[in-house]
Amino acid sequence: MKTILIVICATLLATITNAQDKYFTKSGKIYFDATSPKSPENVNAITKTAVCVLDTKTGNLQFSLLMKSFEFERALMQEHFNENYVESNKFPKAEFKGTITNNSNVNYAKDGVYNVKVSGNLTMHGETKTVETSGTVTVKNGKLIAVAEFAVTLADYKITVPQLVADKVAKTATIKVDCTLDVLK
């Protein structure tokens, strides 16, 4: 698993040429919630090892994470997520490649909270779909905090939920992103 993470980091960093305009983290938090109103328990998880690179000049943004890095409260739920739903051995990572479409509205040299719109392609479970959402970029003491939330319809990514538990897992999952990025040195 560490080897895959190193490869992901190397791939993301290979495109970087102008470090002072690049911000990076390898400890981004991504929350996954597919709790159904009929579910007796929460169907949610978090990873704290998402890799993210943001180019402040262009607004280009890239995320990558290992599906097995999601941690659930219950080990059995985590096992089912990896083996039966997202098939982590076959599709080990998820990626987002996109752009902050209103990047010129963000003053990366001035502390503040800036509303952003993001558009790009999310690849998960071997499927790639366009995703658009809004969020915020907070500039604070030389760091960037990127926060966003969007919905993912599981069927769009060919993730099937067995009929036995279909009413306990939402058809659409909520994904929340919370990443603190530092200047890439």
N, C-alpha and C. Protein backbone atom coordinates (compact mmCIF):
# COMPACT_ATOMS: atom_id res chain seq x y z
N MET A 1 0.82 -1.17 0.00
CA MET A 1 0.00 0.00 0.00
C MET A 1 0.88 1.26 0.00
N LYS A 2 1.97 1.26 0.76
CA LYS A 2 2.86 2.40 0.77
C LYS A 2 3.47 2.63 -0.61
N THR A 3 3.75 1.56 -1.33
CA THR A 3 4.31 1.68 -2.67
C THR A 3 3.34 2.40 -3.59
N ILE A 4 2.06 2.07 -3.49
CA ILE A 4 1.06 2.73 -4.34
C ILE A 4 0.98 4.21 -4.00
N LEU A 5 1.01 4.56 -2.71
CA LEU A 5 0.96 5.94 -2.31
C LEU A 5 2.18 6.71 -2.82
N ILE A 6 3.35 6.10 -2.78
CA ILE A 6 4.56 6.74 -3.29
C ILE A 6 4.43 6.98 -4.80
N VAL A 7 3.88 6.01 -5.51
CA VAL A 7 3.67 6.16 -6.96
C VAL A 7 2.70 7.30 -7.23
N ILE A 8 1.62 7.38 -6.45
CA ILE A 8 0.64 8.46 -6.63
C ILE A 8 1.31 9.81 -6.39
N CYS A 9 2.07 9.93 -5.31
CA CYS A 9 2.78 11.18 -5.02
C CYS A 9 3.74 11.55 -6.14
N ALA A 10 4.50 10.58 -6.60
CA ALA A 10 5.46 10.84 -7.68
C ALA A 10 4.76 11.28 -8.95
N THR A 11 3.63 10.67 -9.26
CA THR A 11 2.88 11.03 -10.46
C THR A 11 2.37 12.46 -10.36
N LEU A 12 1.82 12.82 -9.20
CA LEU A 12 1.33 14.18 -9.03
C LEU A 12 2.46 15.20 -9.09
N LEU A 13 3.58 14.87 -8.47
CA LEU A 13 4.70 15.81 -8.43
C LEU A 13 5.44 15.91 -9.75
N ALA A 14 5.34 14.92 -10.59
CA ALA A 14 6.05 14.93 -11.86
C ALA A 14 5.60 16.06 -12.77
N THR A 15 4.36 16.55 -12.56
CA THR A 15 3.84 17.62 -13.41
C THR A 15 4.18 19.01 -12.89
N ILE A 16 4.85 19.07 -11.76
CA ILE A 16 5.09 20.35 -11.13
C ILE A 16 6.41 20.95 -11.61
N THR A 17 6.33 22.22 -12.06
CA THR A 17 7.53 22.88 -12.55
C THR A 17 7.83 24.18 -11.81
N ASN A 18 6.83 24.81 -11.27
CA ASN A 18 6.99 26.12 -10.66
C ASN A 18 6.51 26.07 -9.22
N ALA A 19 7.34 25.62 -8.30
CA ALA A 19 6.93 25.27 -6.95
C ALA A 19 6.28 26.41 -6.17
N GLN A 20 6.68 27.66 -6.35
CA GLN A 20 6.12 28.72 -5.54
C GLN A 20 4.64 28.95 -5.82
N ASP A 21 4.14 28.46 -6.93
CA ASP A 21 2.72 28.58 -7.27
C ASP A 21 1.96 27.31 -6.96
N LYS A 22 2.62 26.32 -6.41
CA LYS A 22 2.01 25.03 -6.14
C LYS A 22 1.84 24.84 -4.64
N TYR A 23 0.70 24.28 -4.29
CA TYR A 23 0.41 23.92 -2.91
C TYR A 23 0.12 22.44 -2.89
N PHE A 24 0.45 21.79 -1.76
CA PHE A 24 0.44 20.34 -1.72
C PHE A 24 0.07 19.83 -0.33
N THR A 25 -0.57 18.69 -0.29
CA THR A 25 -0.74 17.94 0.95
C THR A 25 -0.79 16.46 0.62
N LYS A 26 -0.38 15.67 1.57
CA LYS A 26 -0.57 14.22 1.46
C LYS A 26 -1.37 13.73 2.67
N SER A 27 -2.01 14.69 3.36
CA SER A 27 -2.83 14.34 4.52
C SER A 27 -4.21 14.99 4.43
N GLY A 28 -4.74 15.05 3.21
CA GLY A 28 -6.08 15.60 3.02
C GLY A 28 -7.14 14.68 3.57
N LYS A 29 -8.21 15.27 4.08
CA LYS A 29 -9.31 14.48 4.63
C LYS A 29 -10.46 14.43 3.61
N ILE A 30 -10.92 13.22 3.35
CA ILE A 30 -12.08 13.02 2.49
C ILE A 30 -13.07 12.18 3.30
N TYR A 31 -14.28 12.69 3.41
CA TYR A 31 -15.34 11.99 4.14
C TYR A 31 -16.31 11.38 3.14
N PHE A 32 -16.76 10.17 3.42
CA PHE A 32 -17.71 9.43 2.58
C PHE A 32 -18.90 9.09 3.45
N ASP A 33 -20.12 9.43 2.99
CA ASP A 33 -21.31 9.10 3.76
C ASP A 33 -22.40 8.59 2.83
N ALA A 34 -22.77 7.32 3.01
CA ALA A 34 -23.85 6.70 2.22
C ALA A 34 -24.93 6.18 3.17
N THR A 35 -25.16 6.91 4.25
CA THR A 35 -26.17 6.51 5.22
C THR A 35 -27.55 6.74 4.64
N SER A 36 -28.36 5.72 4.66
CA SER A 36 -29.75 5.80 4.21
C SER A 36 -30.64 6.14 5.40
N PRO A 37 -31.75 6.84 5.16
CA PRO A 37 -32.68 7.11 6.27
C PRO A 37 -33.18 5.82 6.93
N LYS A 38 -33.16 4.71 6.21
CA LYS A 38 -33.64 3.43 6.76
C LYS A 38 -32.52 2.63 7.42
N SER A 39 -31.32 3.14 7.38
CA SER A 39 -30.19 2.41 7.95
C SER A 39 -30.18 2.52 9.48
N PRO A 40 -30.01 1.40 10.17
CA PRO A 40 -29.94 1.46 11.64
C PRO A 40 -28.60 2.01 12.15
N GLU A 41 -27.62 2.13 11.26
CA GLU A 41 -26.31 2.65 11.66
C GLU A 41 -25.74 3.51 10.53
N ASN A 42 -24.77 4.33 10.90
CA ASN A 42 -24.13 5.20 9.90
C ASN A 42 -23.27 4.39 8.95
N VAL A 43 -23.37 4.75 7.68
CA VAL A 43 -22.53 4.14 6.65
C VAL A 43 -21.60 5.26 6.19
N ASN A 44 -20.56 5.50 6.98
CA ASN A 44 -19.65 6.59 6.63
C ASN A 44 -18.22 6.22 6.98
N ALA A 45 -17.31 6.95 6.36
CA ALA A 45 -15.88 6.67 6.54
C ALA A 45 -15.09 7.94 6.29
N ILE A 46 -13.82 7.89 6.66
CA ILE A 46 -12.91 9.00 6.43
C ILE A 46 -11.55 8.45 6.02
N THR A 47 -10.90 9.18 5.15
CA THR A 47 -9.48 8.95 4.90
C THR A 47 -8.76 10.24 5.24
N LYS A 48 -7.58 10.10 5.80
CA LYS A 48 -6.77 11.27 6.16
C LYS A 48 -5.47 11.26 5.38
N THR A 49 -5.46 10.55 4.24
CA THR A 49 -4.22 10.42 3.46
C THR A 49 -4.42 10.77 1.99
N ALA A 50 -5.39 11.62 1.69
CA ALA A 50 -5.59 12.04 0.30
C ALA A 50 -4.44 12.97 -0.10
N VAL A 51 -3.98 12.80 -1.31
CA VAL A 51 -2.93 13.65 -1.87
C VAL A 51 -3.61 14.70 -2.73
N CYS A 52 -3.19 15.95 -2.58
CA CYS A 52 -3.76 17.04 -3.37
C CYS A 52 -2.67 18.00 -3.79
N VAL A 53 -2.77 18.46 -5.04
CA VAL A 53 -1.88 19.50 -5.57
C VAL A 53 -2.75 20.57 -6.21
N LEU A 54 -2.48 21.82 -5.89
CA LEU A 54 -3.19 22.96 -6.47
C LEU A 54 -2.18 23.92 -7.07
N ASP A 55 -2.37 24.28 -8.32
CA ASP A 55 -1.56 25.28 -9.00
C ASP A 55 -2.34 26.59 -8.95
N THR A 56 -1.87 27.54 -8.16
CA THR A 56 -2.62 28.78 -7.96
C THR A 56 -2.65 29.66 -9.20
N LYS A 57 -1.70 29.52 -10.09
CA LYS A 57 -1.70 30.33 -11.32
C LYS A 57 -2.80 29.90 -12.28
N THR A 58 -2.96 28.60 -12.42
CA THR A 58 -3.92 28.08 -13.40
C THR A 58 -5.23 27.63 -12.78
N GLY A 59 -5.22 27.36 -11.48
CA GLY A 59 -6.41 26.82 -10.82
C GLY A 59 -6.53 25.32 -10.99
N ASN A 60 -5.53 24.69 -11.65
CA ASN A 60 -5.57 23.25 -11.82
C ASN A 60 -5.45 22.57 -10.46
N LEU A 61 -6.24 21.52 -10.30
CA LEU A 61 -6.38 20.86 -9.02
C LEU A 61 -6.41 19.36 -9.25
N GLN A 62 -5.68 18.62 -8.43
CA GLN A 62 -5.65 17.16 -8.54
C GLN A 62 -5.72 16.54 -7.16
N PHE A 63 -6.57 15.52 -7.03
CA PHE A 63 -6.68 14.73 -5.81
C PHE A 63 -6.46 13.28 -6.17
N SER A 64 -5.91 12.53 -5.24
CA SER A 64 -5.77 11.09 -5.42
C SER A 64 -5.80 10.44 -4.04
N LEU A 65 -6.47 9.29 -3.96
CA LEU A 65 -6.52 8.58 -2.68
C LEU A 65 -6.66 7.09 -2.93
N LEU A 66 -6.17 6.33 -1.98
CA LEU A 66 -6.33 4.89 -2.01
C LEU A 66 -7.68 4.54 -1.38
N MET A 67 -8.47 3.74 -2.07
CA MET A 67 -9.79 3.37 -1.56
C MET A 67 -9.69 2.62 -0.23
N LYS A 68 -8.64 1.82 -0.07
CA LYS A 68 -8.47 1.07 1.18
C LYS A 68 -8.11 1.98 2.36
N SER A 69 -7.82 3.24 2.10
CA SER A 69 -7.47 4.14 3.19
C SER A 69 -8.71 4.65 3.94
N PHE A 70 -9.90 4.42 3.39
CA PHE A 70 -11.11 4.81 4.11
C PHE A 70 -11.27 3.96 5.36
N GLU A 71 -11.52 4.61 6.48
CA GLU A 71 -11.69 3.92 7.76
C GLU A 71 -13.15 4.05 8.21
N PHE A 72 -13.78 2.91 8.47
CA PHE A 72 -15.15 2.85 8.96
C PHE A 72 -15.12 2.54 10.45
N GLU A 73 -16.23 2.82 11.14
CA GLU A 73 -16.34 2.48 12.56
C GLU A 73 -16.28 0.97 12.77
N ARG A 74 -16.92 0.24 11.88
CA ARG A 74 -16.98 -1.22 12.01
C ARG A 74 -16.11 -1.88 10.95
N ALA A 75 -15.29 -2.81 11.38
CA ALA A 75 -14.37 -3.52 10.48
C ALA A 75 -15.13 -4.27 9.39
N LEU A 76 -16.27 -4.85 9.72
CA LEU A 76 -17.04 -5.61 8.74
C LEU A 76 -17.57 -4.70 7.63
N MET A 77 -17.99 -3.50 7.99
CA MET A 77 -18.46 -2.54 7.00
C MET A 77 -17.31 -2.13 6.08
N GLN A 78 -16.14 -1.95 6.65
CA GLN A 78 -14.97 -1.58 5.87
C GLN A 78 -14.60 -2.71 4.91
N GLU A 79 -14.68 -3.94 5.39
CA GLU A 79 -14.39 -5.10 4.55
C GLU A 79 -15.37 -5.19 3.38
N HIS A 80 -16.66 -5.01 3.65
CA HIS A 80 -17.67 -5.06 2.58
C HIS A 80 -17.47 -3.93 1.58
N PHE A 81 -17.15 -2.74 2.08
CA PHE A 81 -16.89 -1.59 1.21
C PHE A 81 -15.77 -1.92 0.22
N ASN A 82 -14.66 -2.44 0.74
CA ASN A 82 -13.49 -2.72 -0.10
C ASN A 82 -13.67 -3.94 -1.01
N GLU A 83 -14.27 -4.99 -0.50
CA GLU A 83 -14.37 -6.23 -1.27
C GLU A 83 -15.59 -6.27 -2.19
N ASN A 84 -16.74 -5.82 -1.72
CA ASN A 84 -17.98 -6.00 -2.47
C ASN A 84 -18.43 -4.78 -3.27
N TYR A 85 -18.17 -3.59 -2.77
CA TYR A 85 -18.70 -2.39 -3.41
C TYR A 85 -17.70 -1.72 -4.35
N VAL A 86 -16.59 -1.22 -3.80
CA VAL A 86 -15.63 -0.49 -4.62
C VAL A 86 -14.53 -1.36 -5.18
N GLU A 87 -14.48 -2.63 -4.77
CA GLU A 87 -13.50 -3.60 -5.28
C GLU A 87 -12.09 -3.00 -5.29
N SER A 88 -11.63 -2.64 -4.11
CA SER A 88 -10.35 -1.94 -3.96
C SER A 88 -9.15 -2.68 -4.54
N ASN A 89 -9.18 -3.99 -4.56
CA ASN A 89 -8.05 -4.72 -5.16
C ASN A 89 -8.01 -4.52 -6.67
N LYS A 90 -9.16 -4.40 -7.29
CA LYS A 90 -9.24 -4.21 -8.74
C LYS A 90 -9.12 -2.72 -9.12
N PHE A 91 -9.70 -1.85 -8.29
CA PHE A 91 -9.69 -0.40 -8.52
C PHE A 91 -9.14 0.28 -7.28
N PRO A 92 -7.81 0.29 -7.11
CA PRO A 92 -7.22 0.71 -5.84
C PRO A 92 -7.32 2.19 -5.49
N LYS A 93 -7.53 3.06 -6.47
CA LYS A 93 -7.53 4.48 -6.13
C LYS A 93 -8.67 5.22 -6.81
N ALA A 94 -8.95 6.38 -6.28
CA ALA A 94 -9.88 7.33 -6.88
C ALA A 94 -9.09 8.60 -7.16
N GLU A 95 -9.45 9.27 -8.26
CA GLU A 95 -8.73 10.49 -8.65
C GLU A 95 -9.72 11.55 -9.10
N PHE A 96 -9.36 12.79 -8.83
CA PHE A 96 -10.10 13.93 -9.37
C PHE A 96 -9.08 14.83 -10.04
N LYS A 97 -9.36 15.20 -11.28
CA LYS A 97 -8.52 16.16 -12.01
C LYS A 97 -9.44 17.25 -12.52
N GLY A 98 -9.20 18.47 -12.06
CA GLY A 98 -10.10 19.55 -12.45
C GLY A 98 -9.46 20.91 -12.31
N THR A 99 -10.35 21.91 -12.27
CA THR A 99 -9.93 23.30 -12.25
C THR A 99 -10.86 24.11 -11.36
N ILE A 100 -10.30 25.07 -10.68
CA ILE A 100 -11.12 26.09 -10.03
C ILE A 100 -11.49 27.05 -11.15
N THR A 101 -12.75 27.02 -11.56
CA THR A 101 -13.16 27.75 -12.77
C THR A 101 -13.19 29.26 -12.58
N ASN A 102 -13.30 29.72 -11.34
CA ASN A 102 -13.25 31.16 -11.06
C ASN A 102 -11.98 31.51 -10.28
N ASN A 103 -10.88 30.91 -10.66
CA ASN A 103 -9.61 31.07 -9.96
C ASN A 103 -9.17 32.53 -9.83
N SER A 104 -9.52 33.37 -10.80
CA SER A 104 -9.11 34.77 -10.75
C SER A 104 -9.78 35.53 -9.60
N ASN A 105 -10.82 34.96 -9.01
CA ASN A 105 -11.49 35.60 -7.87
C ASN A 105 -10.77 35.35 -6.54
N VAL A 106 -9.78 34.47 -6.56
CA VAL A 106 -9.05 34.13 -5.33
C VAL A 106 -7.73 34.91 -5.30
N ASN A 107 -7.52 35.66 -4.23
CA ASN A 107 -6.26 36.37 -4.04
C ASN A 107 -5.41 35.53 -3.09
N TYR A 108 -4.55 34.71 -3.67
CA TYR A 108 -3.75 33.78 -2.88
C TYR A 108 -2.70 34.49 -2.02
N ALA A 109 -2.50 35.79 -2.25
CA ALA A 109 -1.53 36.55 -1.46
C ALA A 109 -2.18 37.26 -0.28
N LYS A 110 -3.51 37.15 -0.15
CA LYS A 110 -4.22 37.86 0.92
C LYS A 110 -5.09 36.91 1.71
N ASP A 111 -4.92 36.94 3.04
CA ASP A 111 -5.75 36.10 3.90
C ASP A 111 -7.22 36.42 3.68
N GLY A 112 -8.03 35.37 3.65
CA GLY A 112 -9.47 35.55 3.47
C GLY A 112 -10.12 34.24 3.06
N VAL A 113 -11.44 34.26 3.00
CA VAL A 113 -12.22 33.11 2.56
C VAL A 113 -12.81 33.45 1.20
N TYR A 114 -12.56 32.58 0.23
CA TYR A 114 -12.97 32.83 -1.15
C TYR A 114 -13.89 31.70 -1.62
N ASN A 115 -15.04 32.08 -2.16
CA ASN A 115 -15.95 31.10 -2.75
C ASN A 115 -15.42 30.68 -4.11
N VAL A 116 -15.39 29.39 -4.34
CA VAL A 116 -14.87 28.87 -5.61
C VAL A 116 -15.86 27.90 -6.24
N LYS A 117 -15.71 27.75 -7.53
CA LYS A 117 -16.44 26.74 -8.28
C LYS A 117 -15.40 25.80 -8.88
N VAL A 118 -15.66 24.51 -8.76
CA VAL A 118 -14.71 23.50 -9.22
C VAL A 118 -15.40 22.60 -10.23
N SER A 119 -14.69 22.29 -11.30
CA SER A 119 -15.21 21.39 -12.32
C SER A 119 -14.07 20.47 -12.75
N GLY A 120 -14.41 19.19 -12.97
CA GLY A 120 -13.38 18.26 -13.41
C GLY A 120 -13.92 16.86 -13.53
N ASN A 121 -13.02 15.92 -13.64
CA ASN A 121 -13.38 14.51 -13.82
C ASN A 121 -12.98 13.70 -12.59
N LEU A 122 -13.96 12.97 -12.08
CA LEU A 122 -13.74 12.06 -10.96
C LEU A 122 -13.71 10.65 -11.52
N THR A 123 -12.61 9.93 -11.24
CA THR A 123 -12.48 8.54 -11.65
C THR A 123 -12.49 7.68 -10.41
N MET A 124 -13.43 6.73 -10.41
CA MET A 124 -13.58 5.82 -9.28
C MET A 124 -14.20 4.54 -9.81
N HIS A 125 -13.74 3.41 -9.32
CA HIS A 125 -14.28 2.10 -9.70
C HIS A 125 -14.23 1.91 -11.22
N GLY A 126 -13.19 2.48 -11.85
CA GLY A 126 -12.98 2.32 -13.29
C GLY A 126 -13.85 3.20 -14.15
N GLU A 127 -14.64 4.07 -13.57
CA GLU A 127 -15.53 4.96 -14.31
C GLU A 127 -15.12 6.40 -14.09
N THR A 128 -15.25 7.22 -15.13
CA THR A 128 -14.92 8.63 -15.04
C THR A 128 -16.15 9.45 -15.38
N LYS A 129 -16.49 10.38 -14.50
CA LYS A 129 -17.65 11.26 -14.68
C LYS A 129 -17.26 12.69 -14.36
N THR A 130 -17.93 13.63 -15.01
CA THR A 130 -17.72 15.04 -14.73
C THR A 130 -18.42 15.41 -13.43
N VAL A 131 -17.71 16.16 -12.61
CA VAL A 131 -18.24 16.63 -11.33
C VAL A 131 -18.08 18.14 -11.29
N GLU A 132 -19.12 18.82 -10.84
CA GLU A 132 -19.05 20.26 -10.61
C GLU A 132 -19.60 20.53 -9.22
N THR A 133 -18.93 21.41 -8.50
CA THR A 133 -19.39 21.76 -7.16
C THR A 133 -18.85 23.13 -6.79
N SER A 134 -19.35 23.65 -5.69
CA SER A 134 -18.80 24.89 -5.15
C SER A 134 -18.16 24.57 -3.81
N GLY A 135 -17.32 25.46 -3.37
CA GLY A 135 -16.63 25.27 -2.10
C GLY A 135 -15.96 26.56 -1.70
N THR A 136 -15.00 26.43 -0.79
CA THR A 136 -14.24 27.60 -0.38
C THR A 136 -12.75 27.28 -0.36
N VAL A 137 -11.97 28.31 -0.61
CA VAL A 137 -10.53 28.26 -0.39
C VAL A 137 -10.25 29.36 0.63
N THR A 138 -9.70 28.97 1.76
CA THR A 138 -9.33 29.93 2.79
C THR A 138 -7.82 30.10 2.74
N VAL A 139 -7.39 31.34 2.59
CA VAL A 139 -5.96 31.67 2.62
C VAL A 139 -5.69 32.17 4.03
N LYS A 140 -4.77 31.50 4.73
CA LYS A 140 -4.49 31.88 6.12
C LYS A 140 -3.03 31.59 6.45
N ASN A 141 -2.29 32.63 6.74
CA ASN A 141 -0.89 32.50 7.16
C ASN A 141 -0.06 31.66 6.20
N GLY A 142 -0.23 31.86 4.90
CA GLY A 142 0.58 31.16 3.91
C GLY A 142 0.11 29.76 3.58
N LYS A 143 -0.99 29.33 4.16
CA LYS A 143 -1.56 28.01 3.87
C LYS A 143 -2.90 28.19 3.17
N LEU A 144 -3.32 27.14 2.49
CA LEU A 144 -4.63 27.13 1.85
C LEU A 144 -5.46 26.02 2.47
N ILE A 145 -6.72 26.32 2.74
CA ILE A 145 -7.64 25.30 3.24
C ILE A 145 -8.75 25.19 2.20
N ALA A 146 -8.83 24.03 1.55
CA ALA A 146 -9.83 23.79 0.52
C ALA A 146 -10.93 22.92 1.09
N VAL A 147 -12.17 23.39 0.98
CA VAL A 147 -13.33 22.67 1.50
C VAL A 147 -14.41 22.63 0.43
N ALA A 148 -14.98 21.44 0.23
CA ALA A 148 -16.07 21.28 -0.74
C ALA A 148 -16.90 20.07 -0.37
N GLU A 149 -18.10 20.02 -0.93
CA GLU A 149 -18.99 18.89 -0.72
C GLU A 149 -19.73 18.64 -2.03
N PHE A 150 -19.90 17.37 -2.37
CA PHE A 150 -20.66 17.03 -3.57
C PHE A 150 -21.25 15.64 -3.41
N ALA A 151 -22.20 15.33 -4.29
CA ALA A 151 -22.88 14.04 -4.24
C ALA A 151 -22.40 13.15 -5.37
N VAL A 152 -22.31 11.86 -5.09
CA VAL A 152 -21.91 10.86 -6.08
C VAL A 152 -22.97 9.78 -6.11
N THR A 153 -23.58 9.59 -7.26
CA THR A 153 -24.55 8.50 -7.42
C THR A 153 -23.76 7.22 -7.67
N LEU A 154 -23.91 6.26 -6.78
CA LEU A 154 -23.11 5.03 -6.84
C LEU A 154 -23.28 4.31 -8.18
N ALA A 155 -24.49 4.25 -8.70
CA ALA A 155 -24.74 3.55 -9.97
C ALA A 155 -23.98 4.19 -11.13
N ASP A 156 -23.71 5.50 -11.07
CA ASP A 156 -22.94 6.17 -12.14
C ASP A 156 -21.53 5.61 -12.24
N TYR A 157 -21.04 5.06 -11.14
CA TYR A 157 -19.69 4.49 -11.10
C TYR A 157 -19.73 2.96 -11.08
N LYS A 158 -20.88 2.44 -11.46
CA LYS A 158 -21.10 0.98 -11.54
C LYS A 158 -20.80 0.28 -10.21
N ILE A 159 -21.13 0.96 -9.14
CA ILE A 159 -21.03 0.37 -7.80
C ILE A 159 -22.43 -0.14 -7.45
N THR A 160 -22.52 -1.43 -7.27
CA THR A 160 -23.82 -2.03 -6.97
C THR A 160 -23.88 -2.43 -5.50
N VAL A 161 -25.06 -2.25 -4.96
CA VAL A 161 -25.32 -2.61 -3.57
C VAL A 161 -26.22 -3.84 -3.58
N PRO A 162 -25.83 -4.91 -2.90
CA PRO A 162 -26.67 -6.12 -2.89
C PRO A 162 -28.09 -5.83 -2.39
N GLN A 163 -29.06 -6.48 -2.99
CA GLN A 163 -30.47 -6.26 -2.65
C GLN A 163 -30.74 -6.43 -1.16
N LEU A 164 -30.03 -7.33 -0.52
CA LEU A 164 -30.22 -7.61 0.90
C LEU A 164 -30.04 -6.36 1.78
N VAL A 165 -29.13 -5.46 1.38
CA VAL A 165 -28.86 -4.25 2.17
C VAL A 165 -29.17 -2.97 1.41
N ALA A 166 -29.87 -3.08 0.29
CA ALA A 166 -30.13 -1.92 -0.58
C ALA A 166 -30.85 -0.79 0.14
N ASP A 167 -31.73 -1.09 1.08
CA ASP A 167 -32.44 -0.03 1.79
C ASP A 167 -31.60 0.58 2.91
N LYS A 168 -30.45 0.00 3.22
CA LYS A 168 -29.59 0.49 4.30
C LYS A 168 -28.43 1.34 3.80
N VAL A 169 -28.24 1.36 2.47
CA VAL A 169 -27.16 2.14 1.88
C VAL A 169 -27.78 3.12 0.89
N ALA A 170 -27.46 4.39 1.03
CA ALA A 170 -28.02 5.41 0.14
C ALA A 170 -27.55 5.19 -1.30
N LYS A 171 -28.40 5.51 -2.23
CA LYS A 171 -28.04 5.39 -3.65
C LYS A 171 -27.05 6.49 -4.07
N THR A 172 -27.08 7.58 -3.31
CA THR A 172 -26.17 8.70 -3.56
C THR A 172 -25.37 8.96 -2.30
N ALA A 173 -24.06 8.97 -2.44
CA ALA A 173 -23.16 9.24 -1.31
C ALA A 173 -22.75 10.71 -1.30
N THR A 174 -22.57 11.23 -0.12
CA THR A 174 -22.06 12.59 0.04
C THR A 174 -20.55 12.49 0.27
N ILE A 175 -19.81 13.28 -0.49
CA ILE A 175 -18.35 13.34 -0.36
C ILE A 175 -17.99 14.74 0.14
N LYS A 176 -17.23 14.81 1.23
CA LYS A 176 -16.77 16.08 1.75
C LYS A 176 -15.25 16.09 1.70
N VAL A 177 -14.72 17.21 1.25
CA VAL A 177 -13.27 17.40 1.11
C VAL A 177 -12.83 18.47 2.08
N ASP A 178 -11.75 18.22 2.80
CA ASP A 178 -11.19 19.20 3.74
C ASP A 178 -9.68 19.01 3.73
N CYS A 179 -8.99 19.88 3.01
CA CYS A 179 -7.54 19.74 2.85
C CYS A 179 -6.83 21.03 3.20
N THR A 180 -5.78 20.91 4.01
CA THR A 180 -4.91 22.03 4.30
C THR A 180 -3.63 21.84 3.49
N LEU A 181 -3.34 22.81 2.62
CA LEU A 181 -2.20 22.70 1.71
C LEU A 181 -1.12 23.70 2.06
N ASP A 182 0.11 23.27 1.96
CA ASP A 182 1.28 24.11 2.19
C ASP A 182 1.97 24.39 0.86
N VAL A 183 2.75 25.47 0.83
CA VAL A 183 3.54 25.76 -0.37
C VAL A 183 4.46 24.58 -0.63
N LEU A 184 4.50 24.14 -1.86
CA LEU A 184 5.38 23.05 -2.23
C LEU A 184 6.80 23.57 -2.33
N LYS A 185 7.69 22.92 -1.62
CA LYS A 185 9.10 23.37 -1.62
C LYS A 185 9.98 22.41 -2.36
